[in-house]
């Protein structure tokens, strides 16, 4: 490093003063190279954080939400009130591969596969005909470096040739997760599905077995769907709740606080009552229904929010039989199935702005409520906590600090003509790509962060920001906030507004110059 020589330290103050003039006027290549060396050492050796550390258990706002105005709290069950252990993903994976082999005559060797965490991520898109998994950003661009066919990373050249660039049209990417050739994995339940899809494709490729990728996709979807729709998943998990459900000691105090504040609580889930009863009894105790004013099971979301003809039916919780009589009102202590949102609102007289519904599926739980009915919405995404822990880590902070500085240096270098500048630009851009890959791999070595690409939000985050007023990793994080708390969204900087890292660059330069002057004084 240039900073390691006494002679160079003596030149820093002069270099700093010249640099301001160089950037705005002549922008000399030599000065920029020296500044690169100084800032790299300062960035990578700094013990201060690049950004303020966030609370992994915080609640984050896309839209302003005043809890004081919320009188009614609604909840989904799976992955909202009930959190699952990783054993559930292994179970779904194992049952899916068994269905493929036994029912669809896939090779017996697939039974030797094992679920591996990290092979999938929420929000990915699948190019169905090619069998390519990919991450798409909020502007419908495919993020190069995150496209996989089985376990093979598809080259940038191959992606660009196949899609005539990286930009996908709105017709290709879809609006609510599916088109004729694109499927988005939005539900966390789909992570085992992504994993088995990758494993099967890779097995076919390795063994030179001819296959059409769309058939594999449809077969895997069928296998996963059969496990869910048959009720077998609920039977297995419901009979061994301790092995599949996570204990959540904060859940009961959270719901009790809402009850003590005279808030109304309701549950709308697609799961059957007997299964919900097993899970809730494990989490809250046998009298869990006392927390809720209305309990609706087998709701058939998302059609529950749009259909208006299907009536509610009461069920006998002792034998799980449905009543034949018409339901004229929804009563506490009873359990209902099916129904629709219009009838629910007519019976309860709940006003949209008074209600906060919280779920984990941005399309199935939140989209219709937000867009059509004016309810306030909250998303539960377990990945938030994990990703904030990564963002808060010293290693990630150092990488992002240097990546931002490096991007700033590249911007300055662009206006300097000549072959020497062109060669330096090539080196710096290559270094930027290395740093970008490093920043991605902190989250997931295949796909990176669920919520962002290198510079912009993912398509998944764009949908999240559209349909969820707030989001957090655990529904019980609400217990950390008073019931009159106002969640304010952050003011986001636009492209033409003055933001970091430029002021941060100046601070680094000043600090480096000051250290040089102290060194000069001691010498």
Protein backbone atom coordinates (compact mmCIF):
# COMPACT_ATOMS: atom_id res chain seq x y z
CA UNK A 1 0.00 0.00 0.00
CA UNK A 2 1.18 3.55 -0.66
CA UNK A 3 0.37 4.47 2.93
CA UNK A 4 3.11 2.20 4.20
CA UNK A 5 5.94 4.57 3.22
CA UNK A 6 6.97 7.62 5.22
CA UNK A 7 7.40 9.61 2.04
CA UNK A 8 3.86 8.91 0.93
CA UNK A 9 2.36 9.85 4.29
CA UNK A 10 4.03 13.25 3.94
CA UNK A 11 2.39 13.74 0.56
CA UNK A 12 -1.17 12.92 1.64
CA UNK A 13 -2.26 16.41 2.80
CA UNK A 14 -1.12 17.90 -0.50
CA UNK A 15 -2.73 15.05 -2.42
CA UNK A 16 -6.00 15.53 -0.54
CA UNK A 17 -6.12 19.23 -1.37
CA UNK A 18 -5.28 18.57 -5.00
CA UNK A 19 -7.81 15.76 -5.21
CA UNK A 20 -10.80 18.04 -4.74
CA UNK A 21 -9.66 20.10 -7.69
CA UNK A 22 -8.75 17.00 -9.69
CA UNK A 23 -12.21 15.42 -9.35
CA UNK A 24 -14.10 18.50 -10.32
CA UNK A 25 -11.71 19.76 -12.99
CA UNK A 26 -8.77 17.78 -14.44
CA UNK A 27 -9.35 14.43 -12.67
CA UNK A 28 -5.81 13.21 -13.11
CA UNK A 29 -5.35 9.46 -13.38
CA UNK A 30 -2.33 9.37 -11.09
CA UNK A 31 -4.17 11.14 -8.29
CA UNK A 32 -7.12 8.78 -8.65
CA UNK A 33 -4.85 5.74 -8.40
CA UNK A 34 -3.31 7.09 -5.21
CA UNK A 35 -6.73 7.87 -3.76
CA UNK A 36 -7.75 4.28 -4.61
CA UNK A 37 -4.89 2.93 -2.51
CA UNK A 38 -5.63 5.26 0.40
CA UNK A 39 -9.35 4.59 0.46
CA UNK A 40 -8.96 0.85 0.09
CA UNK A 41 -6.69 0.63 3.10
CA UNK A 42 -8.94 2.92 5.12
CA UNK A 43 -12.12 1.06 4.10
CA UNK A 44 -10.85 -2.43 4.84
CA UNK A 45 -9.05 -1.53 8.07
CA UNK A 46 -11.79 0.64 9.53
CA UNK A 47 -13.46 -0.64 12.70
CA UNK A 48 -16.50 1.61 12.32
CA UNK A 49 -19.64 0.25 10.68
CA UNK A 50 -20.65 1.31 7.21
CA UNK A 51 -24.28 1.70 8.21
CA UNK A 52 -26.31 1.72 11.40
CA UNK A 53 -26.96 -1.79 12.63
CA UNK A 54 -30.58 -2.87 12.53
CA UNK A 55 -32.63 -4.84 15.03
CA UNK A 56 -33.19 -8.39 13.69
CA UNK A 57 -36.46 -8.46 15.63
CA UNK A 58 -37.66 -5.11 14.35
CA UNK A 59 -40.77 -4.32 12.32
CA UNK A 60 -40.18 -2.44 9.07
CA UNK A 61 -42.60 -0.15 7.26
CA UNK A 62 -43.35 0.15 3.56
CA UNK A 63 -46.29 2.39 4.35
CA UNK A 64 -47.20 4.46 7.40
CA UNK A 65 -49.21 2.46 9.91
CA UNK A 66 -50.63 3.76 13.20
CA UNK A 67 -51.36 0.87 15.56
CA UNK A 68 -53.62 3.08 17.63
CA UNK A 69 -56.13 2.98 14.78
CA UNK A 70 -56.07 -0.82 14.54
CA UNK A 71 -58.99 -2.34 16.42
CA UNK A 72 -59.01 -5.76 14.77
CA UNK A 73 -56.06 -8.13 14.28
CA UNK A 74 -56.32 -11.06 11.88
CA UNK A 75 -53.83 -13.88 11.45
CA UNK A 76 -52.90 -16.71 9.14
CA UNK A 77 -51.79 -19.93 10.84
CA UNK A 78 -48.92 -21.60 8.97
CA UNK A 79 -45.65 -19.67 9.20
CA UNK A 80 -47.46 -16.80 10.91
CA UNK A 81 -48.76 -17.87 14.30
CA UNK A 82 -47.15 -21.28 13.85
CA UNK A 83 -43.45 -21.48 13.06
CA UNK A 84 -41.91 -24.72 11.84
CA UNK A 85 -38.60 -26.44 12.39
CA UNK A 86 -36.34 -27.41 9.49
CA UNK A 87 -37.58 -30.98 9.91
CA UNK A 88 -40.69 -29.98 7.97
CA UNK A 89 -38.64 -29.10 4.89
CA UNK A 90 -36.88 -32.44 5.09
CA UNK A 91 -40.25 -34.18 5.39
CA UNK A 92 -41.68 -32.41 2.33
CA UNK A 93 -38.52 -33.21 0.35
CA UNK A 94 -38.54 -36.88 1.31
CA UNK A 95 -42.23 -37.37 0.55
CA UNK A 96 -41.87 -35.57 -2.78
CA UNK A 97 -39.01 -37.79 -3.97
CA UNK A 98 -40.94 -40.88 -2.82
CA UNK A 99 -43.97 -39.80 -4.88
CA UNK A 100 -41.79 -39.20 -7.94
CA UNK A 101 -40.30 -42.68 -7.70
CA UNK A 102 -43.35 -44.70 -6.66
CA UNK A 103 -46.12 -42.89 -8.53
CA UNK A 104 -44.38 -41.29 -11.51
CA UNK A 105 -41.70 -43.97 -12.07
CA UNK A 106 -38.68 -41.73 -11.66
CA UNK A 107 -35.32 -43.55 -11.23
CA UNK A 108 -34.93 -45.39 -7.93
CA UNK A 109 -31.62 -43.62 -7.28
CA UNK A 110 -33.56 -40.43 -6.48
CA UNK A 111 -34.53 -42.07 -3.18
CA UNK A 112 -30.90 -41.64 -2.10
CA UNK A 113 -31.16 -37.84 -2.29
CA UNK A 114 -31.24 -35.78 0.92
CA UNK A 115 -32.57 -32.31 1.57
CA UNK A 116 -29.82 -29.70 1.77
CA UNK A 117 -30.56 -26.26 3.21
CA UNK A 118 -29.55 -23.31 1.05
CA UNK A 119 -30.33 -24.88 -2.33
CA UNK A 120 -33.45 -22.73 -2.69
CA UNK A 121 -34.73 -19.32 -1.69
CA UNK A 122 -38.07 -17.57 -1.53
CA UNK A 123 -38.94 -15.32 -4.46
CA UNK A 124 -37.04 -17.12 -7.22
CA UNK A 125 -38.48 -17.44 -10.71
CA UNK A 126 -38.39 -20.57 -12.84
CA UNK A 127 -38.09 -20.45 -16.62
CA UNK A 128 -40.30 -23.52 -17.00
CA UNK A 129 -39.30 -24.67 -20.47
CA UNK A 130 -35.57 -24.33 -19.84
CA UNK A 131 -35.68 -25.44 -16.22
CA UNK A 132 -33.66 -22.38 -15.19
CA UNK A 133 -34.00 -20.98 -11.69
CA UNK A 134 -33.21 -17.30 -11.47
CA UNK A 135 -33.49 -14.18 -9.37
CA UNK A 136 -35.28 -11.26 -11.00
CA UNK A 137 -34.95 -7.67 -9.86
CA UNK A 138 -37.63 -5.04 -9.39
CA UNK A 139 -37.13 -3.81 -12.98
CA UNK A 140 -37.68 -7.31 -14.42
CA UNK A 141 -33.98 -7.85 -15.10
CA UNK A 142 -32.49 -11.30 -14.60
CA UNK A 143 -29.61 -11.03 -12.15
CA UNK A 144 -26.70 -12.62 -13.93
CA UNK A 145 -24.76 -15.06 -11.78
CA UNK A 146 -27.92 -16.37 -10.12
CA UNK A 147 -29.27 -18.51 -12.98
CA UNK A 148 -29.03 -22.27 -12.41
CA UNK A 149 -29.93 -25.35 -14.39
CA UNK A 150 -29.78 -28.04 -11.76
CA UNK A 151 -26.51 -27.33 -9.97
CA UNK A 152 -24.84 -25.75 -12.99
CA UNK A 153 -24.61 -22.00 -13.12
CA UNK A 154 -25.82 -20.86 -16.53
CA UNK A 155 -23.30 -18.54 -18.18
CA UNK A 156 -24.09 -14.89 -18.76
CA UNK A 157 -23.73 -15.38 -22.51
CA UNK A 158 -26.23 -18.25 -22.51
CA UNK A 159 -28.77 -16.25 -20.48
CA UNK A 160 -28.47 -13.20 -22.70
CA UNK A 161 -28.76 -15.27 -25.87
CA UNK A 162 -31.84 -17.14 -24.59
CA UNK A 163 -33.72 -14.04 -23.45
CA UNK A 164 -32.26 -11.57 -25.96
CA UNK A 165 -30.76 -9.68 -23.05
CA UNK A 166 -31.61 -9.72 -19.36
CA UNK A 167 -34.86 -7.76 -19.45
CA UNK A 168 -38.12 -9.69 -19.08
CA UNK A 169 -41.39 -8.21 -20.25
CA UNK A 170 -44.31 -7.87 -17.86
CA UNK A 171 -46.06 -10.63 -19.81
CA UNK A 172 -43.10 -12.93 -19.22
CA UNK A 173 -42.57 -12.25 -15.53
CA UNK A 174 -46.23 -11.95 -14.57
CA UNK A 175 -47.94 -9.93 -11.87
CA UNK A 176 -49.06 -12.48 -9.30
CA UNK A 177 -46.39 -15.13 -9.58
CA UNK A 178 -47.22 -17.16 -12.68
CA UNK A 179 -47.34 -16.94 -16.47
CA UNK A 180 -47.31 -19.58 -19.20
CA UNK A 181 -43.53 -19.96 -18.88
CA UNK A 182 -42.63 -18.35 -15.55
CA UNK A 183 -43.38 -19.57 -12.06
CA UNK A 184 -42.44 -17.66 -8.92
CA UNK A 185 -41.71 -19.52 -5.68
CA UNK A 186 -43.25 -17.17 -3.13
CA UNK A 187 -44.22 -19.54 -0.31
CA UNK A 188 -41.54 -20.75 2.11
CA UNK A 189 -43.10 -24.22 1.71
CA UNK A 190 -41.63 -24.22 -1.82
CA UNK A 191 -37.99 -24.32 -0.71
CA UNK A 192 -37.97 -28.16 -0.60
CA UNK A 193 -39.65 -28.11 -4.00
CA UNK A 194 -36.88 -25.96 -5.46
CA UNK A 195 -34.28 -28.26 -3.96
CA UNK A 196 -35.73 -31.50 -5.36
CA UNK A 197 -36.21 -29.84 -8.75
CA UNK A 198 -32.53 -28.91 -8.88
CA UNK A 199 -31.47 -32.37 -7.74
CA UNK A 200 -33.61 -34.23 -10.29
CA UNK A 201 -32.49 -32.04 -13.19
CA UNK A 202 -28.85 -32.51 -12.21
CA UNK A 203 -29.31 -36.26 -11.96
CA UNK A 204 -30.80 -36.40 -15.46
CA UNK A 205 -27.95 -34.28 -16.84
CA UNK A 206 -25.23 -36.32 -15.11
CA UNK A 207 -26.68 -39.59 -16.37
CA UNK A 208 -27.44 -38.37 -19.92
CA UNK A 209 -31.16 -39.05 -19.52
CA UNK A 210 -33.23 -37.11 -22.09
CA UNK A 211 -35.85 -34.91 -20.42
CA UNK A 212 -38.05 -31.89 -21.02
CA UNK A 213 -37.61 -29.42 -18.16
CA UNK A 214 -41.27 -28.44 -18.05
CA UNK A 215 -42.29 -32.06 -17.42
CA UNK A 216 -39.97 -32.24 -14.43
CA UNK A 217 -41.47 -29.01 -13.09
CA UNK A 218 -45.04 -30.27 -13.51
CA UNK A 219 -44.19 -33.64 -11.97
CA UNK A 220 -42.52 -32.07 -8.95
CA UNK A 221 -45.47 -29.70 -8.54
CA UNK A 222 -47.81 -32.68 -8.68
CA UNK A 223 -45.78 -34.58 -6.09
CA UNK A 224 -45.62 -31.64 -3.67
CA UNK A 225 -49.29 -30.84 -4.23
CA UNK A 226 -50.32 -34.42 -3.57
CA UNK A 227 -48.54 -34.39 -0.22
CA UNK A 228 -50.30 -31.18 0.79
CA UNK A 229 -53.77 -31.82 -0.65
CA UNK A 230 -54.00 -35.40 0.58
CA UNK A 231 -53.68 -34.13 4.13
CA UNK A 232 -50.73 -36.46 4.71
CA UNK A 233 -48.39 -33.62 5.64
CA UNK A 234 -50.83 -32.42 8.30
CA UNK A 235 -51.32 -35.96 9.57
CA UNK A 236 -47.62 -36.50 10.08
CA UNK A 237 -46.87 -33.06 11.55
CA UNK A 238 -50.07 -33.01 13.60
CA UNK A 239 -49.24 -36.33 15.26
CA UNK A 240 -45.76 -35.17 16.24
CA UNK A 241 -46.06 -31.44 16.89
CA UNK A 242 -42.96 -31.33 19.06
CA UNK A 243 -40.83 -32.52 16.16
CA UNK A 244 -42.19 -30.05 13.60
CA UNK A 245 -43.51 -26.98 15.44
CA UNK A 246 -41.20 -24.42 17.02
CA UNK A 247 -42.08 -23.37 20.53
CA UNK A 248 -42.77 -19.65 20.76
CA UNK A 249 -42.92 -18.47 24.36
CA UNK A 250 -43.80 -14.93 23.28
CA UNK A 251 -46.98 -15.90 21.42
CA UNK A 252 -49.31 -16.19 24.39
CA UNK A 253 -48.19 -12.88 26.00
CA UNK A 254 -48.55 -11.13 22.63
CA UNK A 255 -52.11 -12.33 22.05
CA UNK A 256 -53.03 -11.71 25.69
CA UNK A 257 -51.84 -8.12 25.43
CA UNK A 258 -54.14 -7.58 22.45
CA UNK A 259 -57.07 -9.10 24.34
CA UNK A 260 -56.34 -6.95 27.40
CA UNK A 261 -56.46 -3.88 25.16
CA UNK A 262 -59.95 -4.91 23.92
CA UNK A 263 -58.73 -5.66 20.41
CA UNK A 264 -60.70 -8.14 18.36
CA UNK A 265 -58.76 -11.15 17.05
CA UNK A 266 -59.58 -13.57 14.28
CA UNK A 267 -57.94 -16.45 12.44
CA UNK A 268 -58.31 -17.27 8.75
CA UNK A 269 -56.39 -20.33 7.56
CA UNK A 270 -56.56 -22.91 4.81
CA UNK A 271 -55.65 -25.66 7.26
CA UNK A 272 -58.23 -28.02 8.76
CA UNK A 273 -59.44 -27.35 12.28
CA UNK A 274 -58.13 -30.57 13.81
CA UNK A 275 -54.62 -29.67 12.62
CA UNK A 276 -54.87 -26.06 13.79
CA UNK A 277 -56.15 -27.36 17.12
CA UNK A 278 -53.13 -29.63 17.51
CA UNK A 279 -50.71 -26.82 16.71
CA UNK A 280 -52.45 -24.14 18.76
CA UNK A 281 -52.86 -26.42 21.76
CA UNK A 282 -49.13 -27.05 21.64
CA UNK A 283 -48.35 -23.33 21.36
CA UNK A 284 -51.04 -21.75 23.56
CA UNK A 285 -52.71 -24.49 25.58
CA UNK A 286 -56.04 -26.28 25.33
CA UNK A 287 -58.07 -23.07 25.70
CA UNK A 288 -56.43 -21.33 22.78
CA UNK A 289 -59.78 -20.44 21.19
CA UNK A 290 -60.43 -18.00 24.02
CA UNK A 291 -57.96 -15.64 22.36
CA UNK A 292 -59.99 -15.38 19.15
CA UNK A 293 -63.37 -13.85 18.39
CA UNK A 294 -63.67 -15.67 15.07
CA UNK A 295 -61.95 -18.84 13.83
CA UNK A 296 -62.22 -19.74 10.13
CA UNK A 297 -60.54 -22.87 8.77
CA UNK A 298 -60.32 -24.41 5.29
CA UNK A 299 -60.89 -20.91 3.93
CA UNK A 300 -59.52 -21.69 0.46
CA UNK A 301 -57.44 -18.55 0.25
CA UNK A 302 -56.89 -16.64 -1.97
CA UNK A 303 -60.35 -17.34 -3.45
CA UNK A 304 -61.80 -16.55 0.00
CA UNK A 305 -60.96 -12.90 -0.57
CA UNK A 306 -62.49 -12.70 -4.03
CA UNK A 307 -65.42 -15.14 -4.13
CA UNK A 308 -68.77 -13.88 -2.87
CA UNK A 309 -71.05 -16.90 -3.29
CA UNK A 310 -69.55 -19.55 -1.05
CA UNK A 311 -71.30 -19.38 2.36
CA UNK A 312 -69.82 -20.06 5.76
CA UNK A 313 -70.51 -23.40 7.39
CA UNK A 314 -70.14 -24.22 11.04
CA UNK A 315 -68.30 -27.40 11.97
CA UNK A 316 -68.75 -29.67 14.93
CA UNK A 317 -65.28 -29.73 16.48
CA UNK A 318 -66.00 -33.05 18.21
CA UNK A 319 -66.46 -35.08 15.03
CA UNK A 320 -65.32 -32.55 12.39
CA UNK A 321 -68.71 -32.67 10.63
CA UNK A 322 -70.19 -29.68 8.80
CA UNK A 323 -73.54 -28.17 9.69
CA UNK A 324 -76.26 -28.01 7.03
CA UNK A 325 -77.90 -24.91 8.51
CA UNK A 326 -77.17 -21.44 7.16
CA UNK A 327 -74.80 -19.28 9.21
CA UNK A 328 -76.34 -15.88 9.99
CA UNK A 329 -73.65 -14.59 12.35
CA UNK A 330 -70.15 -15.51 13.38
CA UNK A 331 -69.84 -16.26 17.09
CA UNK A 332 -66.93 -16.56 19.50
CA UNK A 333 -66.22 -20.15 20.55
CA UNK A 334 -67.49 -21.64 17.28
CA UNK A 335 -65.47 -22.73 14.27
CA UNK A 336 -66.37 -22.03 10.67
CA UNK A 337 -65.11 -23.28 7.33
CA UNK A 338 -65.11 -21.92 3.78
CA UNK A 339 -67.04 -18.63 3.46
CA UNK A 340 -65.86 -15.42 1.83
CA UNK A 341 -64.59 -12.00 2.83
CA UNK A 342 -67.65 -10.05 1.69
CA UNK A 343 -69.90 -12.04 4.00
CA UNK A 344 -67.35 -11.73 6.81
CA UNK A 345 -67.37 -7.93 6.51
CA UNK A 346 -71.16 -7.82 6.31
CA UNK A 347 -71.47 -9.84 9.51
CA UNK A 348 -68.77 -8.04 11.51
CA UNK A 349 -69.05 -4.50 10.08
CA UNK A 350 -65.27 -4.20 10.21
CA UNK A 351 -63.90 -1.20 8.36
CA UNK A 352 -60.79 -1.67 6.25
CA UNK A 353 -58.51 0.83 8.02
CA UNK A 354 -59.42 -0.67 11.40
CA UNK A 355 -58.16 -4.13 10.45
CA UNK A 356 -54.60 -5.44 10.25
CA UNK A 357 -54.28 -8.89 8.68
CA UNK A 358 -50.94 -10.66 9.06
CA UNK A 359 -49.77 -13.56 6.90
CA UNK A 360 -46.72 -15.03 5.22
CA UNK A 361 -47.83 -15.23 1.57
CA UNK A 362 -47.78 -11.87 -0.19
CA UNK A 363 -50.16 -13.06 -2.93
CA UNK A 364 -52.36 -15.60 -1.17
CA UNK A 365 -52.74 -13.66 2.08
CA UNK A 366 -52.20 -9.98 1.38
CA UNK A 367 -52.63 -8.84 -2.23
CA UNK A 368 -56.44 -8.86 -2.48
CA UNK A 369 -56.90 -7.42 0.99
CA UNK A 370 -54.58 -4.54 0.24
CA UNK A 371 -55.66 -3.77 -3.32
CA UNK A 372 -59.39 -4.43 -3.21
CA UNK A 373 -60.62 -4.22 0.36
CA UNK A 374 -58.41 -1.56 1.90
CA UNK A 375 -57.29 -3.64 4.87
CA UNK A 376 -53.91 -2.95 6.41
CA UNK A 377 -51.48 -5.80 5.92
CA UNK A 378 -48.39 -7.25 7.56
CA UNK A 379 -46.03 -9.90 6.18
CA UNK A 380 -44.14 -12.46 8.26
CA UNK A 381 -40.87 -13.44 6.58
CA UNK A 382 -38.46 -15.51 8.63
CA UNK A 383 -35.62 -14.56 6.29
CA UNK A 384 -35.63 -10.98 7.57
CA UNK A 385 -33.96 -11.92 10.85
CA UNK A 386 -31.28 -14.03 9.16
CA UNK A 387 -30.49 -11.37 6.59
CA UNK A 388 -30.23 -8.57 9.14
CA UNK A 389 -27.77 -10.66 11.13
CA UNK A 390 -25.65 -10.95 7.99
CA UNK A 391 -25.94 -7.21 7.25
CA UNK A 392 -24.89 -6.39 10.82
CA UNK A 393 -21.78 -8.59 10.63
CA UNK A 394 -18.36 -6.91 10.48
CA UNK A 395 -17.36 -8.86 7.38
CA UNK A 396 -20.38 -7.71 5.38
CA UNK A 397 -20.03 -4.11 6.59
CA UNK A 398 -16.41 -3.97 5.41
CA UNK A 399 -17.28 -5.47 2.04
CA UNK A 400 -20.12 -3.04 1.41
CA UNK A 401 -18.03 -0.10 2.59
CA UNK A 402 -15.30 -0.88 0.06
CA UNK A 403 -17.79 -1.79 -2.68
CA UNK A 404 -19.45 1.62 -2.41
CA UNK A 405 -16.12 3.42 -2.43
CA UNK A 406 -14.96 1.38 -5.40
CA UNK A 407 -18.10 2.22 -7.34
CA UNK A 408 -17.48 5.90 -6.63
CA UNK A 409 -13.91 5.60 -7.90
CA UNK A 410 -15.14 3.90 -11.07
CA UNK A 411 -17.52 6.80 -11.64
CA UNK A 412 -14.61 9.24 -11.39
CA UNK A 413 -12.44 7.16 -13.72
CA UNK A 414 -15.04 7.09 -16.50
CA UNK A 415 -14.30 10.66 -17.61
CA UNK A 416 -10.53 10.17 -17.93
CA UNK A 417 -9.54 9.29 -21.52
CA UNK A 418 -6.68 7.10 -22.68
CA UNK A 419 -5.61 3.47 -22.85
CA UNK A 420 -4.06 3.53 -19.39
CA UNK A 421 -7.38 4.64 -17.91
CA UNK A 422 -9.18 1.95 -19.93
CA UNK A 423 -6.91 -0.74 -18.51
CA UNK A 424 -7.41 0.53 -14.99
CA UNK A 425 -11.16 0.60 -15.54
CA UNK A 426 -11.09 -3.05 -16.57
CA UNK A 427 -9.25 -3.98 -13.38
CA UNK A 428 -11.52 -1.99 -11.12
CA UNK A 429 -14.69 -3.36 -12.73
CA UNK A 430 -13.35 -6.90 -12.28
CA UNK A 431 -12.60 -6.13 -8.64
CA UNK A 432 -16.11 -4.75 -8.23
CA UNK A 433 -17.56 -8.00 -9.56
CA UNK A 434 -15.49 -9.96 -7.07
CA UNK A 435 -16.74 -7.79 -4.22
CA UNK A 436 -20.32 -8.09 -5.45
CA UNK A 437 -20.04 -11.87 -5.51
CA UNK A 438 -18.61 -11.81 -2.00
CA UNK A 439 -21.50 -9.66 -0.76
CA UNK A 440 -23.99 -12.05 -2.39
CA UNK A 441 -22.42 -15.16 -0.91
CA UNK A 442 -22.80 -13.91 2.66
CA UNK A 443 -26.54 -14.57 2.23
CA UNK A 444 -26.68 -17.54 -0.10
CA UNK A 445 -23.87 -18.75 -2.41
CA UNK A 446 -26.32 -19.39 -5.24
CA UNK A 447 -28.90 -16.62 -5.07
CA UNK A 448 -27.80 -14.04 -2.51
CA UNK A 449 -30.33 -11.97 -0.61
CA UNK A 450 -34.04 -12.63 -0.88
CA UNK A 451 -34.72 -8.91 -0.86
CA UNK A 452 -32.12 -7.28 -3.08
CA UNK A 453 -29.83 -7.77 -6.04
CA UNK A 454 -26.50 -5.94 -6.11
CA UNK A 455 -28.00 -2.47 -6.35
CA UNK A 456 -31.80 -2.63 -6.46
CA UNK A 457 -34.58 -4.61 -4.74
CA UNK A 458 -35.63 -7.99 -6.05
CA UNK A 459 -38.93 -8.59 -7.79
CA UNK A 460 -40.06 -10.33 -4.61
CA UNK A 461 -39.30 -7.26 -2.52
CA UNK A 462 -41.15 -5.09 -5.01
CA UNK A 463 -44.27 -7.21 -4.53
CA UNK A 464 -43.72 -7.15 -0.77
CA UNK A 465 -43.49 -3.36 -0.80
CA UNK A 466 -46.65 -3.20 -2.89
CA UNK A 467 -48.87 -5.47 -0.81
CA UNK A 468 -47.57 -5.25 2.77
CA UNK A 469 -47.73 -2.11 4.89
CA UNK A 470 -45.21 -3.62 7.29
CA UNK A 471 -43.08 -6.76 7.53
CA UNK A 472 -41.06 -8.59 10.15
CA UNK A 473 -39.52 -11.98 10.88
CA UNK A 474 -41.86 -13.08 13.69
CA UNK A 475 -45.41 -12.05 14.53
CA UNK A 476 -44.37 -11.82 18.19
CA UNK A 477 -42.03 -8.94 17.39
CA UNK A 478 -45.10 -6.75 17.82
CA UNK A 479 -44.73 -7.24 21.55
CA UNK A 480 -41.67 -4.96 21.40
CA UNK A 481 -43.84 -1.99 20.38
CA UNK A 482 -46.60 -0.13 22.25
CA UNK A 483 -50.09 -0.45 20.84
CA UNK A 484 -50.13 3.21 19.86
CA UNK A 485 -46.85 2.98 17.95
CA UNK A 486 -46.66 4.56 14.48
CA UNK A 487 -44.53 2.78 11.90
CA UNK A 488 -43.03 5.31 9.50
CA UNK A 489 -41.41 4.31 6.20
CA UNK A 490 -37.94 5.64 5.62
CA UNK A 491 -37.45 8.46 3.18
CA UNK A 492 -35.85 6.79 0.19
CA UNK A 493 -33.32 8.71 -1.84
CA UNK A 494 -34.08 9.09 -5.53
CA UNK A 495 -31.42 8.72 -8.18
CA UNK A 496 -31.10 12.50 -8.62
CA UNK A 497 -30.83 13.20 -4.87
CA UNK A 498 -27.55 13.62 -3.00
CA UNK A 499 -26.81 10.49 -0.98
CA UNK A 500 -23.87 8.45 0.26
CA UNK A 501 -21.24 7.43 -0.55
CA UNK A 502 -19.90 10.81 -1.80
CA UNK A 503 -20.00 12.56 1.63
CA UNK A 504 -18.51 9.39 3.11
CA UNK A 505 -15.66 9.55 0.60
CA UNK A 506 -14.85 13.07 1.73
CA UNK A 507 -14.84 11.93 5.34
CA UNK A 508 -12.42 9.13 4.55
CA UNK A 509 -10.13 11.49 2.67
CA UNK A 510 -10.15 13.99 5.50
CA UNK A 511 -9.44 11.28 8.05
CA UNK A 512 -6.57 9.93 5.98
CA UNK A 513 -5.09 13.39 5.60
CA UNK A 514 -5.36 14.04 9.34
CA UNK A 515 -3.60 10.78 10.15
CA UNK A 516 -0.85 11.70 7.69
CA UNK A 517 -0.35 15.07 9.33
CA UNK A 518 -0.12 13.45 12.76
CA UNK A 519 2.49 11.07 11.38
CA UNK A 520 4.40 14.03 9.93
CA UNK A 521 4.34 15.84 13.29
CA UNK A 522 5.71 12.82 15.14
CA UNK A 523 8.44 12.40 12.55
